[in-house]
C-alpha atoms as a PDB file:
ATOM      1  CA  MET A   1      73.244  65.877 137.656  1.00  0.00           C
ATOM      2  CA  ARG A   2      75.322  64.336 134.896  1.00  0.00           C
ATOM      3  CA  ILE A   3      74.924  67.459 132.746  1.00  0.00           C
ATOM      4  CA  VAL A   4      76.132  69.651 135.629  1.00  0.00           C
ATOM      5  CA  GLY A   5      79.257  67.464 135.937  1.00  0.00           C
ATOM      6  CA  ILE A   6      79.987  67.700 132.212  1.00  0.00           C
ATOM      7  CA  LEU A   7      79.522  71.479 132.255  1.00  0.00           C
ATOM      8  CA  ALA A   8      81.802  71.791 135.289  1.00  0.00           C
ATOM      9  CA  LEU A   9      84.467  69.686 133.564  1.00  0.00           C
ATOM     10  CA  GLY A  10      84.204  71.855 130.455  1.00  0.00           C
ATOM     11  CA  ALA A  11      84.548  75.044 132.497  1.00  0.00           C
ATOM     12  CA  MET A  12      87.594  73.678 134.358  1.00  0.00           C
ATOM     13  CA  LEU A  13      89.432  72.681 131.204  1.00  0.00           C
ATOM     14  CA  GLY A  14      88.778  76.057 129.563  1.00  0.00           C
ATOM     15  CA  GLY A  15      90.660  75.214 126.395  1.00  0.00           C
ATOM     16  CA  CYS A  16      92.182  71.802 125.695  1.00  0.00           C
ATOM     17  CA  ALA A  17      95.167  73.090 123.729  1.00  0.00           C
ATOM     18  CA  SER A  18      95.779  75.676 126.458  1.00  0.00           C
ATOM     19  CA  VAL A  19      95.874  72.894 129.030  1.00  0.00           C
ATOM     20  CA  THR A  20      97.831  70.283 127.063  1.00  0.00           C
ATOM     21  CA  ARG A  21     100.327  72.537 125.233  1.00  0.00           C
ATOM     22  CA  GLY A  22     100.405  75.775 127.202  1.00  0.00           C
ATOM     23  CA  THR A  23     100.250  79.324 125.890  1.00  0.00           C
ATOM     24  CA  THR A  24     104.025  79.758 125.507  1.00  0.00           C
ATOM     25  CA  GLU A  25     106.794  77.974 123.615  1.00  0.00           C
ATOM     26  CA  ASN A  26     110.594  78.040 123.438  1.00  0.00           C
ATOM     27  CA  ILE A  27     112.096  79.396 120.220  1.00  0.00           C
ATOM     28  CA  SER A  28     115.691  78.326 119.577  1.00  0.00           C
ATOM     29  CA  ILE A  29     117.998  80.615 117.602  1.00  0.00           C
ATOM     30  CA  SER A  30     121.363  79.595 116.152  1.00  0.00           C
ATOM     31  CA  SER A  31     123.707  80.965 113.535  1.00  0.00           C
ATOM     32  CA  THR A  32     126.869  80.315 111.624  1.00  0.00           C
ATOM     33  CA  PRO A  33     129.106  81.806 112.895  1.00  0.00           C
ATOM     34  CA  SER A  34     127.907  81.741 116.494  1.00  0.00           C
ATOM     35  CA  GLY A  35     128.039  84.821 118.703  1.00  0.00           C
ATOM     36  CA  VAL A  36     125.625  86.808 116.534  1.00  0.00           C
ATOM     37  CA  GLU A  37     123.336  89.314 118.253  1.00  0.00           C
ATOM     38  CA  ALA A  38     119.689  88.264 117.868  1.00  0.00           C
ATOM     39  CA  VAL A  39     117.131  91.024 118.474  1.00  0.00           C
ATOM     40  CA  VAL A  40     113.694  89.473 119.048  1.00  0.00           C
ATOM     41  CA  SER A  41     110.718  91.781 118.534  1.00  0.00           C
ATOM     42  CA  GLY A  42     107.088  90.979 119.177  1.00  0.00           C
ATOM     43  CA  LEU A  43     107.592  89.820 122.768  1.00  0.00           C
ATOM     44  CA  GLU A  44     106.109  91.644 125.753  1.00  0.00           C
ATOM     45  CA  VAL A  45     109.644  92.745 126.639  1.00  0.00           C
ATOM     46  CA  PRO A  46     112.083  93.343 123.756  1.00  0.00           C
ATOM     47  CA  THR A  47     114.804  90.717 124.055  1.00  0.00           C
ATOM     48  CA  THR A  48     118.368  90.463 122.779  1.00  0.00           C
ATOM     49  CA  CYS A  49     120.596  87.396 123.048  1.00  0.00           C
ATOM     50  CA  MET A  50     123.816  86.037 121.544  1.00  0.00           C
ATOM     51  CA  THR A  51     123.498  82.892 119.429  1.00  0.00           C
ATOM     52  CA  PRO A  52     123.028  80.097 120.194  1.00  0.00           C
ATOM     53  CA  CYS A  53     120.173  81.039 122.496  1.00  0.00           C
ATOM     54  CA  SER A  54     116.465  80.539 123.081  1.00  0.00           C
ATOM     55  CA  VAL A  55     113.564  82.743 124.123  1.00  0.00           C
ATOM     56  CA  VAL A  56     110.144  82.020 125.584  1.00  0.00           C
ATOM     57  CA  ALA A  57     107.334  83.503 123.505  1.00  0.00           C
ATOM     58  CA  LYS A  58     103.571  83.525 123.686  1.00  0.00           C
ATOM     59  CA  ARG A  59     102.122  81.299 121.007  1.00  0.00           C
ATOM     60  CA  ASN A  60      99.949  84.144 119.659  1.00  0.00           C
ATOM     61  CA  ALA A  61     102.831  86.673 119.366  1.00  0.00           C
ATOM     62  CA  ASP A  62     103.891  88.100 115.996  1.00  0.00           C
ATOM     63  CA  ILE A  63     107.645  87.591 116.172  1.00  0.00           C
ATOM     64  CA  SER A  64     110.536  88.705 114.009  1.00  0.00           C
ATOM     65  CA  ILE A  65     114.214  88.127 114.728  1.00  0.00           C
ATOM     66  CA  THR A  66     116.974  90.376 113.396  1.00  0.00           C
ATOM     67  CA  LEU A  67     120.473  88.889 113.466  1.00  0.00           C
ATOM     68  CA  GLN A  68     123.447  91.216 113.223  1.00  0.00           C
ATOM     69  CA  LYS A  69     127.219  91.024 113.614  1.00  0.00           C
ATOM     70  CA  GLU A  70     129.991  93.358 112.556  1.00  0.00           C
ATOM     71  CA  GLY A  71     131.385  92.387 109.169  1.00  0.00           C
ATOM     72  CA  PHE A  72     128.193  90.528 108.153  1.00  0.00           C
ATOM     73  CA  GLU A  73     124.953  91.494 106.439  1.00  0.00           C
ATOM     74  CA  SER A  74     122.013  91.835 108.863  1.00  0.00           C
ATOM     75  CA  GLN A  75     119.223  89.326 108.334  1.00  0.00           C
ATOM     76  CA  THR A  76     115.625  89.409 109.560  1.00  0.00           C
ATOM     77  CA  VAL A  77     113.498  86.285 109.939  1.00  0.00           C
ATOM     78  CA  GLN A  78     109.717  86.739 110.228  1.00  0.00           C
ATOM     79  CA  LEU A  79     108.139  83.814 112.092  1.00  0.00           C
ATOM     80  CA  THR A  80     104.728  82.537 111.027  1.00  0.00           C
ATOM     81  CA  LYS A  81     102.102  80.780 113.111  1.00  0.00           C
ATOM     82  CA  GLU A  82     100.851  77.346 112.053  1.00  0.00           C
ATOM     83  CA  VAL A  83      98.537  74.805 113.625  1.00  0.00           C
ATOM     84  CA  PRO A  84     100.450  71.479 113.880  1.00  0.00           C
ATOM     85  CA  ALA A  85      98.742  68.116 114.381  1.00  0.00           C
ATOM     86  CA  THR A  86      99.128  68.283 118.177  1.00  0.00           C
ATOM     87  CA  GLY A  87      97.608  71.770 118.286  1.00  0.00           C
ATOM     88  CA  ALA A  88      94.732  70.678 116.067  1.00  0.00           C
ATOM     89  CA  ALA A  89      94.068  67.687 118.332  1.00  0.00           C
ATOM     90  CA  GLY A  90      93.964  69.908 121.423  1.00  0.00           C
ATOM     91  CA  PHE A  91      91.745  72.408 119.644  1.00  0.00           C
ATOM     92  CA  ALA A  92      89.432  69.608 118.487  1.00  0.00           C
ATOM     93  CA  GLY A  93      89.313  68.275 122.054  1.00  0.00           C
ATOM     94  CA  ASN A  94      87.387  71.403 122.912  1.00  0.00           C
ATOM     95  CA  ILE A  95      84.379  69.915 121.157  1.00  0.00           C
ATOM     96  CA  ILE A  96      84.297  67.164 123.783  1.00  0.00           C
ATOM     97  CA  ALA A  97      85.399  68.987 126.911  1.00  0.00           C
ATOM     98  CA  GLY A  98      85.426  72.749 126.529  1.00  0.00           C
ATOM     99  CA  GLY A  99      82.870  73.542 123.897  1.00  0.00           C
ATOM    100  CA  LEU A 100      82.785  77.001 122.399  1.00  0.00           C
ATOM    101  CA  VAL A 101      84.339  78.553 125.508  1.00  0.00           C
ATOM    102  CA  GLY A 102      87.416  76.319 125.174  1.00  0.00           C
ATOM    103  CA  MET A 103      87.683  77.023 121.470  1.00  0.00           C
ATOM    104  CA  GLY A 104      87.516  80.743 122.177  1.00  0.00           C
ATOM    105  CA  VAL A 105      90.220  80.497 124.855  1.00  0.00           C
ATOM    106  CA  ASP A 106      92.522  78.585 122.494  1.00  0.00           C
ATOM    107  CA  ALA A 107      91.875  81.002 119.636  1.00  0.00           C
ATOM    108  CA  VAL A 108      92.656  84.073 121.776  1.00  0.00           C
ATOM    109  CA  THR A 109      95.755  82.606 123.462  1.00  0.00           C
ATOM    110  CA  GLY A 110      97.048  80.980 120.275  1.00  0.00           C
ATOM    111  CA  ALA A 111      97.494  77.744 122.237  1.00  0.00           C
ATOM    112  CA  ALA A 112      96.842  75.642 119.149  1.00  0.00           C
ATOM    113  CA  THR A 113      99.619  77.320 117.126  1.00  0.00           C
ATOM    114  CA  ASP A 114     103.404  76.948 116.833  1.00  0.00           C
ATOM    115  CA  HIS A 115     105.899  79.430 115.414  1.00  0.00           C
ATOM    116  CA  LYS A 116     107.734  78.404 112.245  1.00  0.00           C
ATOM    117  CA  PRO A 117     110.609  78.101 111.630  1.00  0.00           C
ATOM    118  CA  ASN A 118     111.612  76.759 115.015  1.00  0.00           C
ATOM    119  CA  PRO A 119     114.527  76.416 115.475  1.00  0.00           C
ATOM    120  CA  VAL A 120     115.621  79.539 113.627  1.00  0.00           C
ATOM    121  CA  ILE A 121     118.943  78.723 111.900  1.00  0.00           C
ATOM    122  CA  VAL A 122     120.730  81.447 109.930  1.00  0.00           C
ATOM    123  CA  THR A 123     123.993  81.440 107.996  1.00  0.00           C
ATOM    124  CA  MET A 124     125.361  84.969 108.049  1.00  0.00           C
ATOM    125  CA  GLN A 125     126.725  86.404 104.790  1.00  0.00           C
ATOM    126  CA  PRO A 126     129.939  88.459 104.944  1.00  0.00           C
ATOM    127  CA  LYS A 127     129.673  92.043 103.806  1.00  0.00           C
ATOM    128  CA  ALA A 128     131.358  92.723 100.485  1.00  0.00           C
ATOM    129  CA  PRO A 129     134.570  94.670 101.009  1.00  0.00           C
ATOM    130  CA  PRO A 130     134.282  98.287  99.955  1.00  0.00           C
ATOM    131  CA  PRO A 131     135.689  98.992  96.499  1.00  0.00           C
ATOM    132  CA  PRO A 132     139.240 100.325  96.550  1.00  0.00           C
ATOM    133  CA  PRO A 133     139.524 104.069  96.128  1.00  0.00           C
ATOM    134  CA  PRO A 134     140.331 105.186  92.602  1.00  0.00           C
ATOM    135  CA  ALA A 135     144.036 105.490  91.882  1.00  0.00           C
ATOM    136  CA  PRO A 136     145.239 109.080  91.810  1.00  0.00           C
ATOM    137  CA  ARG A 137     145.692 110.356  88.276  1.00  0.00           C
ATOM    138  CA  LYS A 138     149.051 111.558  87.214  1.00  0.00           C
ATOM    139  CA  PRO A 139     148.910 114.998  85.646  1.00  0.00           C
ATOM    140  CA  ARG A 140     149.491 115.010  81.910  1.00  0.00           C
ATOM    141  CA  PRO A 141     152.596 116.793  80.817  1.00  0.00           C
ATOM    142  CA  LYS A 142     151.863 120.015  78.976  1.00  0.00           C
ATOM    143  CA  PRO A 143     152.720 119.833  75.295  1.00  0.00           C
ATOM    144  CA  VAL A 144     155.954 121.558  74.447  1.00  0.00           C
ATOM    145  CA  PRO A 145     155.522 124.130  71.666  1.00  0.00           C
ATOM    146  CA  GLU A 146     157.634 123.410  68.637  1.00  0.00           C
ATOM    147  CA  ALA A 147     160.472 125.833  67.949  1.00  0.00           C
ATOM    148  CA  GLY A 148     160.143 128.263  65.072  1.00  0.00           C
ATOM    149  CA  THR A 149     156.400 128.298  64.733  1.00  0.00           C
END
């Protein structure tokens, strides 16, 4: 009977990191200057916001953020996924409560991972002004022929 209870508990928890941390996270985006358009790709629905802003993303999503504003160079930030100490603890908790099923759930949902960098902080670089147009050339005066030659 005790084994049945332990198996039921393991099935209910599914994945410890999924339960304790969830399968989504908030990603904060800010820039200097503020009011920059941030285009977030890799989400289920493409999202655009003006900085400062935040988006909710699945922990297993491959995310990149392109920041753009008139008069500034566009910048793209590729987020990576890392397993922090809290995610590792939840993932390791699967050994006790969820077993291989819980580990599989956490691996598929990415519940043990966090996106880095978070928050995303970007300093926009002004575009270089275009070079001035070349000055118009003055026509050279034609040489005057010498008299008597």
